């Protein structure tokens, strides 16, 4: 697949050759022309996996200040080629200046949390709609409805939040309400998969082990997305800065936790695609996925990334795995002042 979004050419087709043809960029696969677009239309080129970029095209992009980013086939950041002078230094300057301005940082964080809470509410409401019949379903709907209402209340309070502490407070209360009802989202294997509360470092049960592993995969993708557009992944707004902590990647992943990672975890459990035999317990009570379990989850995660979803802002269908890259680019535009506020991804 080869697609152009937000002035960026994304090349996913394995074995593709990307090269200059006059003042255009051509993407070929053997003797077939997959795409040809004027070079001046592009602000960046991003390739995934085994894609070859001609040295002439890289030279021209470097001269023009246009970045060429290389990801592996799973979307992990590998390298970025750019000229001596590019807009990235200005982008990072804008990122740091926004961080220093608490009001501006709170505004970005507010948009991020709004996306997260709306997506949490979406998962809860979907489960309510799809609940079956019987006493168990009735009790689950009641718990899910209470949680959805509580999350909606935090969304309302978020509108008035003007400080980072207030934004973080709304995020914390909304997340607590969501996870309070998370056990009601589990409809199968309930003896083996119980969820009482979120636990990490280490996870204390199988559901938490599965969520933690998926979140680790997701933050890696979000970090690659930040790197790909030239943002500093360690300089976040919602998450405080700590040595070695990818705070901005953690910010970016918030809107993807519920619709991507949580829903995938629930699908694996409720469709019995993963079972208790895929976990191991360590002395001290830590529960982790074993090797077979990790393989199953990684395969499911990569398959899910290939699923096409409709991007509400761009009004086009894209693979889910590309959405973090698009959102990083939208965030970069917000920080540069090209758009007035950040619009999170909220699937429909």
Foldseek 3Di string as FASTA:
>chain_A
DWDADPQEIEALDAQWEWEDDPQWIWIDRVPRTPDIGGNVSHQEYEYEAHYHYDPVVLVVQQVVQRKYWYHYNLQFGDDIRHHPDHCLVVLQVLLVVLQVPQQSLLQQLLQLLLLLLLLLLVLLVVLLVVQDDDDLSVVLNVLSVQLSVQSVVLNVQSVVDRGLVSSLVSSVRNVQSSQCSLQSLADPPNVQDGGHGADPPNGQHDLNQQLVLLVVSQLSNLCSLLVRVNYQQQRHRNDDHDPPDSRNSVSLCSSVSRVQRSVLSNCCRNVVVDGPVQWDADPPRGIHGDPVNSVSSVVSNSVQQQDWFAFVVRRDIDRNSCQSNVQSVQVSCCSSVVDVHRHHTHGD
